[in-house]
Amino acid sequence: CMRLMHMGIHAHVLGETTTSTFEKEDLLILCTGSGETGT
C-alpha cells in the first residue's frame, strides 16, 4: 500500500483511521494464506 501511494495511487489499508469509503469502482486486495481468516 505504501509503494502504491508513492506512485500516486489512492491506496488504503483497511482498519486505519484514514481509510476512505469503499465504492463500486474500487478494488479490495485480500492477502490470506488460508483464505479463511474471519475478518
All heavy atoms as atom14 arrays in JSON, in Angstrom:
{
  "sequence": "CMRLMHMGIHAHVLGETTTSTFEKEDLLILCTGSGETGT",
  "atom14_mask": [
    [1, 1, 1, 1, 1, 1, 0, 0, 0, 0, 0, 0, 0, 0],
    [1, 1, 1, 1, 1, 1, 1, 1, 0, 0, 0, 0, 0, 0],
    [1, 1, 1, 1, 1, 1, 1, 1, 1, 1, 1, 0, 0, 0],
    [1, 1, 1, 1, 1, 1, 1, 1, 0, 0, 0, 0, 0, 0],
    [1, 1, 1, 1, 1, 1, 1, 1, 0, 0, 0, 0, 0, 0],
    [1, 1, 1, 1, 1, 1, 1, 1, 1, 1, 0, 0, 0, 0],
    [1, 1, 1, 1, 1, 1, 1, 1, 0, 0, 0, 0, 0, 0],
    [1, 1, 1, 1, 0, 0, 0, 0, 0, 0, 0, 0, 0, 0],
    [1, 1, 1, 1, 1, 1, 1, 1, 0, 0, 0, 0, 0, 0],
    [1, 1, 1, 1, 1, 1, 1, 1, 1, 1, 0, 0, 0, 0],
    [1, 1, 1, 1, 1, 0, 0, 0, 0, 0, 0, 0, 0, 0],
    [1, 1, 1, 1, 1, 1, 1, 1, 1, 1, 0, 0, 0, 0],
    [1, 1, 1, 1, 1, 1, 1, 0, 0, 0, 0, 0, 0, 0],
    [1, 1, 1, 1, 1, 1, 1, 1, 0, 0, 0, 0, 0, 0],
    [1, 1, 1, 1, 0, 0, 0, 0, 0, 0, 0, 0, 0, 0],
    [1, 1, 1, 1, 1, 1, 1, 1, 1, 0, 0, 0, 0, 0],
    [1, 1, 1, 1, 1, 1, 1, 0, 0, 0, 0, 0, 0, 0],
    [1, 1, 1, 1, 1, 1, 1, 0, 0, 0, 0, 0, 0, 0],
    [1, 1, 1, 1, 1, 1, 1, 0, 0, 0, 0, 0, 0, 0],
    [1, 1, 1, 1, 1, 1, 0, 0, 0, 0, 0, 0, 0, 0],
    [1, 1, 1, 1, 1, 1, 1, 0, 0, 0, 0, 0, 0, 0],
    [1, 1, 1, 1, 1, 1, 1, 1, 1, 1, 1, 0, 0, 0],
    [1, 1, 1, 1, 1, 1, 1, 1, 1, 0, 0, 0, 0, 0],
    [1, 1, 1, 1, 1, 1, 1, 1, 1, 0, 0, 0, 0, 0],
    [1, 1, 1, 1, 1, 1, 1, 1, 1, 0, 0, 0, 0, 0],
    [1, 1, 1, 1, 1, 1, 1, 1, 0, 0, 0, 0, 0, 0],
    [1, 1, 1, 1, 1, 1, 1, 1, 0, 0, 0, 0, 0, 0],
    [1, 1, 1, 1, 1, 1, 1, 1, 0, 0, 0, 0, 0, 0],
    [1, 1, 1, 1, 1, 1, 1, 1, 0, 0, 0, 0, 0, 0],
    [1, 1, 1, 1, 1, 1, 1, 1, 0, 0, 0, 0, 0, 0],
    [1, 1, 1, 1, 1, 1, 0, 0, 0, 0, 0, 0, 0, 0],
    [1, 1, 1, 1, 1, 1, 1, 0, 0, 0, 0, 0, 0, 0],
    [1, 1, 1, 1, 0, 0, 0, 0, 0, 0, 0, 0, 0, 0],
    [1, 1, 1, 1, 1, 1, 0, 0, 0, 0, 0, 0, 0, 0],
    [1, 1, 1, 1, 0, 0, 0, 0, 0, 0, 0, 0, 0, 0],
    [1, 1, 1, 1, 1, 1, 1, 1, 1, 0, 0, 0, 0, 0],
    [1, 1, 1, 1, 1, 1, 1, 0, 0, 0, 0, 0, 0, 0],
    [1, 1, 1, 1, 0, 0, 0, 0, 0, 0, 0, 0, 0, 0],
    [1, 1, 1, 1, 1, 1, 1, 0, 0, 0, 0, 0, 0, 0]
  ],
  "atom14_positions": [
    [[0.83, -1.2, 0.0], [0.0, 0.0, 0.0], [0.87, 1.26, 0.0], [0.6, 2.21, -0.73], [-0.93, -0.02, 1.22], [-2.12, 1.33, 1.25], [0.0, 0.0, 0.0], [0.0, 0.0, 0.0], [0.0, 0.0, 0.0], [0.0, 0.0, 0.0], [0.0, 0.0, 0.0], [0.0, 0.0, 0.0], [0.0, 0.0, 0.0], [0.0, 0.0, 0.0]],
    [[1.94, 1.22, 0.78], [2.84, 2.37, 0.84], [3.45, 2.65, -0.53], [3.51, 3.8, -0.98], [3.94, 2.13, 1.88], [4.96, 3.25, 1.95], [6.31, 2.86, 3.07], [5.61, 3.45, 4.59], [0.0, 0.0, 0.0], [0.0, 0.0, 0.0], [0.0, 0.0, 0.0], [0.0, 0.0, 0.0], [0.0, 0.0, 0.0], [0.0, 0.0, 0.0]],
    [[3.9, 1.6, -1.21], [4.51, 1.79, -2.54], [3.47, 2.28, -3.55], [3.79, 3.11, -4.4], [5.15, 0.5, -3.04], [6.46, 0.19, -2.39], [7.54, 1.22, -2.79], [8.8, 0.87, -2.17], [9.31, 1.48, -1.11], [8.68, 2.5, -0.56], [10.45, 1.09, -0.61], [0.0, 0.0, 0.0], [0.0, 0.0, 0.0], [0.0, 0.0, 0.0]],
    [[2.25, 1.78, -3.46], [1.19, 2.28, -4.36], [1.01, 3.78, -4.15], [0.9, 4.54, -5.11], [-0.13, 1.53, -4.11], [-0.16, 0.06, -4.5], [-1.47, -0.58, -4.04], [0.04, -0.13, -5.99], [0.0, 0.0, 0.0], [0.0, 0.0, 0.0], [0.0, 0.0, 0.0], [0.0, 0.0, 0.0], [0.0, 0.0, 0.0], [0.0, 0.0, 0.0]],
    [[0.99, 4.2, -2.9], [0.86, 5.63, -2.58], [2.03, 6.41, -3.14], [1.85, 7.5, -3.69], [0.76, 5.8, -1.06], [0.64, 7.24, -0.58], [2.21, 8.11, -0.33], [3.0, 7.13, 0.93], [0.0, 0.0, 0.0], [0.0, 0.0, 0.0], [0.0, 0.0, 0.0], [0.0, 0.0, 0.0], [0.0, 0.0, 0.0], [0.0, 0.0, 0.0]],
    [[3.24, 5.84, -3.05], [4.42, 6.53, -3.6], [4.31, 6.74, -5.1], [4.95, 7.63, -5.66], [5.71, 5.75, -3.28], [6.09, 5.79, -1.84], [6.8, 4.79, -1.24], [5.84, 6.7, -0.86], [6.99, 5.07, 0.03], [6.41, 6.25, 0.28], [0.0, 0.0, 0.0], [0.0, 0.0, 0.0], [0.0, 0.0, 0.0], [0.0, 0.0, 0.0]],
    [[3.52, 5.91, -5.76], [3.33, 6.03, -7.21], [2.14, 6.92, -7.56], [1.8, 7.09, -8.72], [3.15, 4.65, -7.86], [4.39, 3.8, -7.75], [4.32, 2.26, -8.7], [2.81, 1.52, -8.14], [0.0, 0.0, 0.0], [0.0, 0.0, 0.0], [0.0, 0.0, 0.0], [0.0, 0.0, 0.0], [0.0, 0.0, 0.0], [0.0, 0.0, 0.0]],
    [[1.49, 7.49, -6.54], [0.37, 8.39, -6.78], [-0.98, 7.7, -6.86], [-1.97, 8.32, -7.25], [0.0, 0.0, 0.0], [0.0, 0.0, 0.0], [0.0, 0.0, 0.0], [0.0, 0.0, 0.0], [0.0, 0.0, 0.0], [0.0, 0.0, 0.0], [0.0, 0.0, 0.0], [0.0, 0.0, 0.0], [0.0, 0.0, 0.0], [0.0, 0.0, 0.0]],
    [[-1.05, 6.44, -6.47], [-2.31, 5.7, -6.48], [-3.0, 5.9, -5.14], [-2.35, 5.85, -4.09], [-2.04, 4.19, -6.75], [-1.48, 4.03, -8.16], [-3.3, 3.37, -6.56], [-0.98, 2.63, -8.47], [0.0, 0.0, 0.0], [0.0, 0.0, 0.0], [0.0, 0.0, 0.0], [0.0, 0.0, 0.0], [0.0, 0.0, 0.0], [0.0, 0.0, 0.0]],
    [[-4.3, 6.12, -5.16], [-5.07, 6.28, -3.92], [-5.23, 4.88, -3.32], [-6.03, 4.09, -3.79], [-6.43, 6.92, -4.18], [-6.31, 8.33, -4.66], [-5.99, 9.37, -3.82], [-6.43, 8.86, -5.89], [-5.93, 10.49, -4.51], [-6.18, 10.21, -5.77], [0.0, 0.0, 0.0], [0.0, 0.0, 0.0], [0.0, 0.0, 0.0], [0.0, 0.0, 0.0]],
    [[-4.45, 4.6, -2.28], [-4.44, 3.28, -1.67], [-4.61, 3.41, -0.16], [-4.11, 4.36, 0.45], [-3.14, 2.57, -2.0], [0.0, 0.0, 0.0], [0.0, 0.0, 0.0], [0.0, 0.0, 0.0], [0.0, 0.0, 0.0], [0.0, 0.0, 0.0], [0.0, 0.0, 0.0], [0.0, 0.0, 0.0], [0.0, 0.0, 0.0], [0.0, 0.0, 0.0]],
    [[-5.34, 2.44, 0.4], [-5.66, 2.46, 1.84], [-5.53, 1.07, 2.43], [-5.83, 0.08, 1.77], [-7.09, 2.95, 2.06], [-7.37, 4.28, 1.45], [-7.07, 5.46, 2.09], [-7.91, 4.62, 0.26], [-7.42, 6.48, 1.31], [-7.92, 5.99, 0.19], [0.0, 0.0, 0.0], [0.0, 0.0, 0.0], [0.0, 0.0, 0.0], [0.0, 0.0, 0.0]],
    [[-5.15, 1.02, 3.69], [-5.14, -0.22, 4.46], [-6.42, -0.24, 5.29], [-6.69, 0.72, 6.03], [-3.91, -0.31, 5.38], [-3.98, -1.54, 6.27], [-2.62, -0.33, 4.55], [0.0, 0.0, 0.0], [0.0, 0.0, 0.0], [0.0, 0.0, 0.0], [0.0, 0.0, 0.0], [0.0, 0.0, 0.0], [0.0, 0.0, 0.0], [0.0, 0.0, 0.0]],
    [[-7.2, -1.31, 5.16], [-8.44, -1.4, 5.94], [-8.11, -1.41, 7.43], [-7.14, -2.02, 7.86], [-9.21, -2.67, 5.58], [-9.87, -2.68, 4.21], [-10.67, -3.95, 4.01], [-10.77, -1.47, 4.0], [0.0, 0.0, 0.0], [0.0, 0.0, 0.0], [0.0, 0.0, 0.0], [0.0, 0.0, 0.0], [0.0, 0.0, 0.0], [0.0, 0.0, 0.0]],
    [[-8.92, -0.69, 8.19], [-8.75, -0.64, 9.63], [-7.99, 0.58, 10.12], [-7.99, 0.88, 11.31], [0.0, 0.0, 0.0], [0.0, 0.0, 0.0], [0.0, 0.0, 0.0], [0.0, 0.0, 0.0], [0.0, 0.0, 0.0], [0.0, 0.0, 0.0], [0.0, 0.0, 0.0], [0.0, 0.0, 0.0], [0.0, 0.0, 0.0], [0.0, 0.0, 0.0]],
    [[-7.32, 1.29, 9.21], [-6.6, 2.51, 9.6], [-7.61, 3.66, 9.73], [-8.63, 3.68, 9.04], [-5.53, 2.86, 8.57], [-4.45, 1.81, 8.41], [-3.56, 1.67, 9.63], [-3.29, 2.69, 10.3], [-3.13, 0.54, 9.91], [0.0, 0.0, 0.0], [0.0, 0.0, 0.0], [0.0, 0.0, 0.0], [0.0, 0.0, 0.0], [0.0, 0.0, 0.0]],
    [[-7.31, 4.61, 10.56], [-8.25, 5.71, 10.8], [-8.44, 6.61, 9.58], [-9.43, 7.32, 9.48], [-7.8, 6.58, 11.99], [-6.49, 7.07, 11.74], [-7.85, 5.79, 13.27], [0.0, 0.0, 0.0], [0.0, 0.0, 0.0], [0.0, 0.0, 0.0], [0.0, 0.0, 0.0], [0.0, 0.0, 0.0], [0.0, 0.0, 0.0], [0.0, 0.0, 0.0]],
    [[-7.5, 6.58, 8.64], [-7.6, 7.44, 7.46], [-8.16, 6.7, 6.24], [-8.16, 7.25, 5.14], [-6.22, 8.01, 7.09], [-5.33, 6.92, 6.87], [-5.69, 8.92, 8.19], [0.0, 0.0, 0.0], [0.0, 0.0, 0.0], [0.0, 0.0, 0.0], [0.0, 0.0, 0.0], [0.0, 0.0, 0.0], [0.0, 0.0, 0.0], [0.0, 0.0, 0.0]],
    [[-8.67, 5.49, 6.45], [-9.21, 4.71, 5.33], [-10.45, 5.37, 4.77], [-11.37, 5.75, 5.5], [-9.52, 3.27, 5.77], [-8.32, 2.69, 6.27], [-10.05, 2.43, 4.63], [0.0, 0.0, 0.0], [0.0, 0.0, 0.0], [0.0, 0.0, 0.0], [0.0, 0.0, 0.0], [0.0, 0.0, 0.0], [0.0, 0.0, 0.0], [0.0, 0.0, 0.0]],
    [[-10.48, 5.48, 3.46], [-11.58, 6.12, 2.74], [-12.77, 5.17, 2.58], [-12.71, 3.99, 2.94], [-11.06, 6.54, 1.35], [-12.04, 7.22, 0.63], [0.0, 0.0, 0.0], [0.0, 0.0, 0.0], [0.0, 0.0, 0.0], [0.0, 0.0, 0.0], [0.0, 0.0, 0.0], [0.0, 0.0, 0.0], [0.0, 0.0, 0.0], [0.0, 0.0, 0.0]],
    [[-13.84, 5.66, 1.97], [-15.04, 4.87, 1.68], [-14.78, 3.95, 0.49], [-14.24, 4.38, -0.52], [-16.2, 5.82, 1.32], [-16.4, 6.73, 2.4], [-17.48, 5.06, 1.04], [0.0, 0.0, 0.0], [0.0, 0.0, 0.0], [0.0, 0.0, 0.0], [0.0, 0.0, 0.0], [0.0, 0.0, 0.0], [0.0, 0.0, 0.0], [0.0, 0.0, 0.0]],
    [[-15.18, 2.7, 0.62], [-15.06, 1.74, -0.47], [-16.29, 1.88, -1.36], [-17.42, 1.88, -0.87], [-14.97, 0.31, 0.1], [-14.74, -0.74, -0.94], [-13.46, -0.99, -1.43], [-15.79, -1.49, -1.45], [-13.24, -1.96, -2.4], [-15.58, -2.46, -2.41], [-14.3, -2.7, -2.89], [0.0, 0.0, 0.0], [0.0, 0.0, 0.0], [0.0, 0.0, 0.0]],
    [[-16.06, 2.01, -2.68], [-17.15, 2.23, -3.63], [-17.07, 1.23, -4.78], [-16.1, 0.47, -4.9], [-17.07, 3.66, -4.16], [-17.2, 4.68, -3.03], [-16.89, 6.1, -3.48], [-15.74, 6.36, -3.9], [-17.81, 6.93, -3.43], [0.0, 0.0, 0.0], [0.0, 0.0, 0.0], [0.0, 0.0, 0.0], [0.0, 0.0, 0.0], [0.0, 0.0, 0.0]],
    [[-18.08, 1.25, -5.64], [-18.2, 0.27, -6.73], [-17.0, 0.22, -7.67], [-16.68, -0.84, -8.19], [-19.47, 0.53, -7.55], [-20.73, 0.15, -6.86], [-21.93, 0.35, -7.75], [-23.18, -0.05, -6.99], [-24.37, 0.04, -7.81], [0.0, 0.0, 0.0], [0.0, 0.0, 0.0], [0.0, 0.0, 0.0], [0.0, 0.0, 0.0], [0.0, 0.0, 0.0]],
    [[-16.35, 1.32, -7.88], [-15.22, 1.34, -8.83], [-13.89, 0.98, -8.17], [-12.84, 1.03, -8.8], [-15.11, 2.7, -9.53], [-14.78, 3.86, -8.63], [-15.98, 4.48, -7.91], [-17.14, 4.03, -8.11], [-15.77, 5.43, -7.14], [0.0, 0.0, 0.0], [0.0, 0.0, 0.0], [0.0, 0.0, 0.0], [0.0, 0.0, 0.0], [0.0, 0.0, 0.0]],
    [[-13.93, 0.6, -6.9], [-12.71, 0.33, -6.14], [-12.32, -1.14, -6.16], [-13.11, -2.02, -6.51], [-12.88, 0.82, -4.7], [-13.06, 2.33, -4.63], [-12.63, 3.03, -5.57], [-13.65, 2.81, -3.64], [0.0, 0.0, 0.0], [0.0, 0.0, 0.0], [0.0, 0.0, 0.0], [0.0, 0.0, 0.0], [0.0, 0.0, 0.0], [0.0, 0.0, 0.0]],
    [[-11.08, -1.4, -5.73], [-10.51, -2.74, -5.7], [-10.07, -3.06, -4.27], [-9.35, -2.28, -3.65], [-9.29, -2.82, -6.63], [-8.44, -4.09, -6.57], [-9.24, -5.3, -7.05], [-7.17, -3.91, -7.41], [0.0, 0.0, 0.0], [0.0, 0.0, 0.0], [0.0, 0.0, 0.0], [0.0, 0.0, 0.0], [0.0, 0.0, 0.0], [0.0, 0.0, 0.0]],
    [[-10.5, -4.2, -3.77], [-10.07, -4.71, -2.47], [-9.14, -5.89, -2.71], [-9.52, -6.87, -3.36], [-11.28, -5.16, -1.64], [-10.98, -5.89, -0.33], [-10.17, -5.01, 0.62], [-12.28, -6.35, 0.32], [0.0, 0.0, 0.0], [0.0, 0.0, 0.0], [0.0, 0.0, 0.0], [0.0, 0.0, 0.0], [0.0, 0.0, 0.0], [0.0, 0.0, 0.0]],
    [[-7.92, -5.79, -2.2], [-6.93, -6.87, -2.3], [-6.79, -7.5, -0.92], [-6.38, -6.82, 0.03], [-5.57, -6.36, -2.8], [-5.71, -5.66, -4.16], [-4.56, -7.5, -2.86], [-4.45, -4.95, -4.63], [0.0, 0.0, 0.0], [0.0, 0.0, 0.0], [0.0, 0.0, 0.0], [0.0, 0.0, 0.0], [0.0, 0.0, 0.0], [0.0, 0.0, 0.0]],
    [[-7.13, -8.79, -0.83], [-7.05, -9.51, 0.43], [-5.9, -10.51, 0.39], [-5.83, -11.34, -0.52], [-8.37, -10.24, 0.7], [-9.58, -9.33, 0.87], [-10.86, -10.13, 0.93], [-9.43, -8.45, 2.1], [0.0, 0.0, 0.0], [0.0, 0.0, 0.0], [0.0, 0.0, 0.0], [0.0, 0.0, 0.0], [0.0, 0.0, 0.0], [0.0, 0.0, 0.0]],
    [[-5.0, -10.42, 1.35], [-3.83, -11.29, 1.43], [-4.05, -12.29, 2.56], [-4.05, -11.92, 3.73], [-2.59, -10.46, 1.73], [-2.32, -9.12, 0.55], [0.0, 0.0, 0.0], [0.0, 0.0, 0.0], [0.0, 0.0, 0.0], [0.0, 0.0, 0.0], [0.0, 0.0, 0.0], [0.0, 0.0, 0.0], [0.0, 0.0, 0.0], [0.0, 0.0, 0.0]],
    [[-4.28, -13.54, 2.19], [-4.59, -14.55, 3.18], [-4.13, -15.93, 2.73], [-4.61, -16.42, 1.71], [-6.1, -14.57, 3.51], [-6.41, -15.71, 4.31], [-6.97, -14.55, 2.28], [0.0, 0.0, 0.0], [0.0, 0.0, 0.0], [0.0, 0.0, 0.0], [0.0, 0.0, 0.0], [0.0, 0.0, 0.0], [0.0, 0.0, 0.0], [0.0, 0.0, 0.0]],
    [[-3.21, -16.5, 3.47], [-2.74, -17.84, 3.11], [-3.87, -18.84, 3.07], [-4.09, -19.51, 2.06], [0.0, 0.0, 0.0], [0.0, 0.0, 0.0], [0.0, 0.0, 0.0], [0.0, 0.0, 0.0], [0.0, 0.0, 0.0], [0.0, 0.0, 0.0], [0.0, 0.0, 0.0], [0.0, 0.0, 0.0], [0.0, 0.0, 0.0], [0.0, 0.0, 0.0]],
    [[-4.63, -18.93, 4.14], [-5.7, -19.92, 4.24], [-6.95, -19.53, 3.46], [-7.71, -20.4, 3.03], [-6.1, -20.11, 5.7], [-6.76, -18.94, 6.2], [0.0, 0.0, 0.0], [0.0, 0.0, 0.0], [0.0, 0.0, 0.0], [0.0, 0.0, 0.0], [0.0, 0.0, 0.0], [0.0, 0.0, 0.0], [0.0, 0.0, 0.0], [0.0, 0.0, 0.0]],
    [[-7.18, -18.24, 3.31], [-8.43, -17.79, 2.68], [-9.63, -17.91, 3.6], [-10.76, -17.75, 3.16], [0.0, 0.0, 0.0], [0.0, 0.0, 0.0], [0.0, 0.0, 0.0], [0.0, 0.0, 0.0], [0.0, 0.0, 0.0], [0.0, 0.0, 0.0], [0.0, 0.0, 0.0], [0.0, 0.0, 0.0], [0.0, 0.0, 0.0], [0.0, 0.0, 0.0]],
    [[-9.38, -18.17, 4.87], [-10.48, -18.38, 5.82], [-10.44, -17.43, 7.02], [-11.23, -17.58, 7.94], [-10.47, -19.83, 6.31], [-10.62, -20.88, 5.23], [-11.95, -20.81, 4.47], [-12.93, -20.23, 4.99], [-11.99, -21.33, 3.33], [0.0, 0.0, 0.0], [0.0, 0.0, 0.0], [0.0, 0.0, 0.0], [0.0, 0.0, 0.0], [0.0, 0.0, 0.0]],
    [[-9.53, -16.47, 7.02], [-9.42, -15.53, 8.15], [-10.73, -14.76, 8.29], [-11.19, -14.12, 7.34], [-8.24, -14.57, 7.92], [-7.06, -15.34, 7.68], [-8.03, -13.66, 9.12], [0.0, 0.0, 0.0], [0.0, 0.0, 0.0], [0.0, 0.0, 0.0], [0.0, 0.0, 0.0], [0.0, 0.0, 0.0], [0.0, 0.0, 0.0], [0.0, 0.0, 0.0]],
    [[-11.34, -14.83, 9.47], [-12.68, -14.29, 9.7], [-12.86, -12.85, 9.29], [-13.84, -12.51, 8.61], [0.0, 0.0, 0.0], [0.0, 0.0, 0.0], [0.0, 0.0, 0.0], [0.0, 0.0, 0.0], [0.0, 0.0, 0.0], [0.0, 0.0, 0.0], [0.0, 0.0, 0.0], [0.0, 0.0, 0.0], [0.0, 0.0, 0.0], [0.0, 0.0, 0.0]],
    [[-11.95, -11.96, 9.69], [-12.11, -10.55, 9.34], [-12.03, -10.35, 7.84], [-12.75, -9.51, 7.28], [-11.03, -9.68, 10.02], [-9.74, -10.2, 9.71], [-11.22, -9.62, 11.52], [0.0, 0.0, 0.0], [0.0, 0.0, 0.0], [0.0, 0.0, 0.0], [0.0, 0.0, 0.0], [0.0, 0.0, 0.0], [0.0, 0.0, 0.0], [0.0, 0.0, 0.0]]
  ]
}
